[in-house]
Amino acid sequence: QAIYQDITERKRFEDALSESEAEHRAMCEQGAVGVLIADAETRRIVFANPAACSLFGYSREELGRLHVAELHPADAWDRVSAEFDAQARGEQLLAKSLPCRRRDGTHFWADIAASALVLRGRRALMGFFVDVTARQRAEAEAQTACHKSDMIVRGIEAAHQGCLMFAEDLRIVYANEYALFKLGIAEAEWRER
């Protein structure tokens, strides 16, 4: 006697699952964004893609021996730890501008989008790291420039000197109180122009 069972559907499902897994692995392995997976409880790195290795300057094996804390400056750990916990609990998806530390000790800033998952029966956090150091520097430079401009304007105001700034079409775009007083123009009148 023999019992036959049609497993065609199961075989199609297994093949589709295998193909899907291969596609996801290829996307992760070949992507330009650094991907790290850390155990949610021990906070040890359990996976790193090539982009993450390049970003942090470690091999996969080296990253696999590290704790999340070793990838961030010590003085930022309280913030990083709080962000990690919030992401692991599913309370937030994006941690913006977190300081990170490379193997050589240099620092960079990263936006980290993360989601909780279960990996081999354990809770884990998969993070996607995007280097935003250039954006962080540009924002800091813009803030410094604004601060300097503000200090210059305050100095002009305090010196009781008239100051006018003109656009290319010779419209007045800034006039301090003393200049308006000397020109005999009320501030409200000037603002309406």
Protein backbone atom coordinates (compact mmCIF):
# COMPACT_ATOMS: atom_id res chain seq x y z
CA GLN A 1 0.00 0.00 0.00
CA ALA A 2 1.11 3.54 -0.63
CA ILE A 3 -0.30 6.88 0.32
CA TYR A 4 0.26 9.75 -2.04
CA GLN A 5 -0.16 13.39 -1.16
CA ASP A 6 -0.10 16.25 -3.63
CA ILE A 7 2.51 18.73 -2.35
CA THR A 8 2.56 20.95 -5.43
CA GLU A 9 1.09 23.96 -3.59
CA ARG A 10 3.46 23.59 -0.64
CA LYS A 11 6.43 23.32 -3.03
CA ARG A 12 5.33 26.52 -4.85
CA PHE A 13 5.03 28.32 -1.51
CA GLU A 14 8.49 27.14 -0.38
CA ASP A 15 10.03 28.19 -3.71
CA ALA A 16 8.36 31.62 -3.53
CA LEU A 17 9.53 32.05 0.06
CA SER A 18 13.07 31.08 -0.87
CA GLU A 19 13.04 33.50 -3.81
CA SER A 20 11.66 36.30 -1.61
CA GLU A 21 14.36 35.69 1.01
CA ALA A 22 17.05 35.82 -1.68
CA GLU A 23 15.67 39.11 -3.03
CA HIS A 24 15.57 40.70 0.43
CA ARG A 25 19.10 39.52 1.21
CA ALA A 26 20.36 40.95 -2.10
CA MET A 27 18.71 44.32 -1.38
CA CYS A 28 20.24 44.43 2.07
CA GLU A 29 23.68 43.28 0.91
CA GLN A 30 23.88 45.62 -2.09
CA GLY A 31 22.12 48.67 -0.67
CA ALA A 32 23.92 51.95 -0.12
CA VAL A 33 22.40 52.42 3.35
CA GLY A 34 24.15 50.89 6.34
CA VAL A 35 22.08 48.17 7.99
CA LEU A 36 22.79 46.85 11.47
CA ILE A 37 20.71 44.42 13.50
CA ALA A 38 21.20 44.35 17.26
CA ASP A 39 19.76 42.03 19.88
CA ALA A 40 17.21 44.16 21.76
CA GLU A 41 18.21 42.83 25.19
CA THR A 42 21.98 42.38 25.00
CA ARG A 43 22.41 45.24 22.50
CA ARG A 44 25.08 43.25 20.69
CA ILE A 45 25.36 43.54 16.91
CA VAL A 46 24.18 40.34 15.19
CA PHE A 47 24.21 41.48 11.54
CA ALA A 48 25.93 44.14 9.44
CA ASN A 49 25.70 44.72 5.71
CA PRO A 50 28.71 45.87 3.63
CA ALA A 51 27.52 49.51 3.66
CA ALA A 52 27.49 49.51 7.48
CA CYS A 53 30.99 47.99 7.51
CA SER A 54 32.19 50.76 5.21
CA LEU A 55 30.43 53.47 7.21
CA PHE A 56 31.88 52.37 10.56
CA GLY A 57 35.23 51.07 9.26
CA TYR A 58 34.88 47.57 10.74
CA SER A 59 34.68 44.12 9.16
CA ARG A 60 31.49 42.10 9.67
CA GLU A 61 33.26 39.89 12.17
CA GLU A 62 34.46 42.90 14.16
CA LEU A 63 31.01 44.49 14.17
CA GLY A 64 29.58 41.14 15.29
CA ARG A 65 31.64 41.37 18.49
CA LEU A 66 30.54 44.90 19.38
CA HIS A 67 27.92 46.36 21.69
CA VAL A 68 25.79 49.22 20.33
CA ALA A 69 27.46 51.57 22.84
CA GLU A 70 30.82 51.02 21.13
CA LEU A 71 29.47 52.64 17.94
CA HIS A 72 28.65 55.96 19.63
CA PRO A 73 30.64 58.54 21.62
CA ALA A 74 30.46 57.85 25.37
CA ASP A 75 29.01 61.29 26.13
CA ALA A 76 26.05 60.59 23.81
CA TRP A 77 25.18 57.16 25.24
CA ASP A 78 22.25 58.32 27.40
CA ARG A 79 20.50 59.81 24.36
CA VAL A 80 21.41 56.88 22.09
CA SER A 81 20.19 54.37 24.69
CA ALA A 82 16.86 56.19 25.10
CA GLU A 83 16.36 56.32 21.31
CA PHE A 84 17.27 52.60 21.00
CA ASP A 85 14.73 51.66 23.70
CA ALA A 86 11.97 53.78 22.11
CA GLN A 87 12.60 52.20 18.72
CA ALA A 88 12.74 48.68 20.18
CA ARG A 89 9.36 49.28 21.85
CA GLY A 90 7.96 50.52 18.51
CA GLU A 91 7.27 54.01 19.90
CA GLN A 92 9.34 55.78 17.25
CA LEU A 93 10.78 54.96 13.87
CA LEU A 94 13.43 57.65 13.32
CA ALA A 95 16.25 58.84 15.54
CA LYS A 96 17.59 62.04 13.97
CA SER A 97 21.18 63.21 13.99
CA LEU A 98 22.70 60.71 16.39
CA PRO A 99 26.47 60.93 16.82
CA CYS A 100 28.28 57.77 15.73
CA ARG A 101 31.90 56.69 16.14
CA ARG A 102 34.02 54.94 13.53
CA ARG A 103 36.70 52.39 14.26
CA ASP A 104 39.41 55.06 13.80
CA GLY A 105 37.76 57.25 16.46
CA THR A 106 36.35 59.85 14.08
CA HIS A 107 32.71 60.81 14.45
CA PHE A 108 29.84 61.24 12.03
CA TRP A 109 26.15 62.02 12.40
CA ALA A 110 23.45 59.59 11.27
CA ASP A 111 19.70 59.48 10.95
CA ILE A 112 18.70 55.99 12.04
CA ALA A 113 15.37 54.54 10.93
CA ALA A 114 14.71 51.35 12.88
CA SER A 115 12.10 48.72 13.38
CA ALA A 116 11.67 45.93 15.88
CA LEU A 117 11.67 42.34 14.69
CA VAL A 118 12.08 38.79 15.97
CA LEU A 119 15.25 37.05 14.79
CA ARG A 120 15.92 33.43 15.71
CA GLY A 121 13.33 33.69 18.47
CA ARG A 122 14.84 36.82 20.05
CA ARG A 123 13.70 40.43 19.93
CA ALA A 124 15.98 42.54 17.75
CA LEU A 125 16.19 46.02 16.29
CA MET A 126 17.11 46.57 12.64
CA GLY A 127 18.55 50.03 12.01
CA PHE A 128 19.12 51.77 8.68
CA PHE A 129 21.97 54.29 9.01
CA VAL A 130 22.19 57.34 6.73
CA ASP A 131 25.22 59.59 7.14
CA VAL A 132 23.93 63.17 7.57
CA THR A 133 27.23 64.76 8.62
CA ALA A 134 27.18 67.24 5.71
CA ARG A 135 23.64 68.33 6.62
CA GLN A 136 24.59 68.67 10.29
CA ARG A 137 27.62 70.85 9.40
CA ALA A 138 25.56 73.03 7.05
CA GLU A 139 22.92 73.58 9.76
CA ALA A 140 25.61 74.47 12.30
CA GLU A 141 27.26 76.90 9.85
CA ALA A 142 23.91 78.52 9.06
CA GLN A 143 23.17 78.89 12.75
CA THR A 144 26.60 80.45 13.33
CA ALA A 145 26.07 82.87 10.42
CA CYS A 146 22.65 83.88 11.79
CA HIS A 147 24.16 84.40 15.23
CA LYS A 148 26.93 86.60 13.78
CA SER A 149 24.41 88.63 11.75
CA ASP A 150 22.28 89.08 14.84
CA MET A 151 25.31 90.27 16.83
CA ILE A 152 26.20 92.76 14.06
CA VAL A 153 22.66 94.15 13.99
CA ARG A 154 22.63 94.49 17.79
CA GLY A 155 25.97 96.27 17.64
CA ILE A 156 24.66 98.70 15.05
CA GLU A 157 21.53 99.33 17.10
CA ALA A 158 23.58 99.94 20.25
CA ALA A 159 25.98 102.31 18.45
CA HIS A 160 23.16 104.68 17.47
CA GLN A 161 24.18 104.70 13.85
CA GLY A 162 21.91 104.49 10.87
CA CYS A 163 22.03 101.30 8.91
CA LEU A 164 20.23 100.48 5.68
CA MET A 165 20.48 97.28 3.65
CA PHE A 166 19.41 97.22 0.03
CA ALA A 167 18.37 94.46 -2.35
CA GLU A 168 19.78 94.34 -5.88
CA ASP A 169 16.77 96.37 -7.12
CA LEU A 170 17.63 99.04 -4.51
CA ARG A 171 14.64 98.26 -2.29
CA ILE A 172 15.41 98.74 1.37
CA VAL A 173 15.28 95.31 3.00
CA TYR A 174 16.48 96.39 6.42
CA ALA A 175 16.54 99.68 8.25
CA ASN A 176 17.34 100.13 11.91
CA GLU A 177 15.41 102.50 14.15
CA TYR A 178 18.07 105.21 14.09
CA ALA A 179 18.15 105.28 10.26
CA LEU A 180 14.35 105.53 10.11
CA PHE A 181 14.43 108.33 12.71
CA LYS A 182 17.06 110.28 10.74
CA LEU A 183 15.09 109.80 7.51
CA GLY A 184 11.88 110.86 9.22
CA ILE A 185 10.09 107.62 8.38
CA ALA A 186 7.92 105.79 10.90
CA GLU A 187 8.72 102.08 11.22
CA ALA A 188 5.11 101.12 10.46
CA GLU A 189 5.22 103.25 7.30
CA TRP A 190 8.47 101.61 6.16
CA ARG A 191 7.12 98.08 6.79
CA GLU A 192 4.11 98.80 4.55
CA ARG A 193 6.36 99.61 1.58
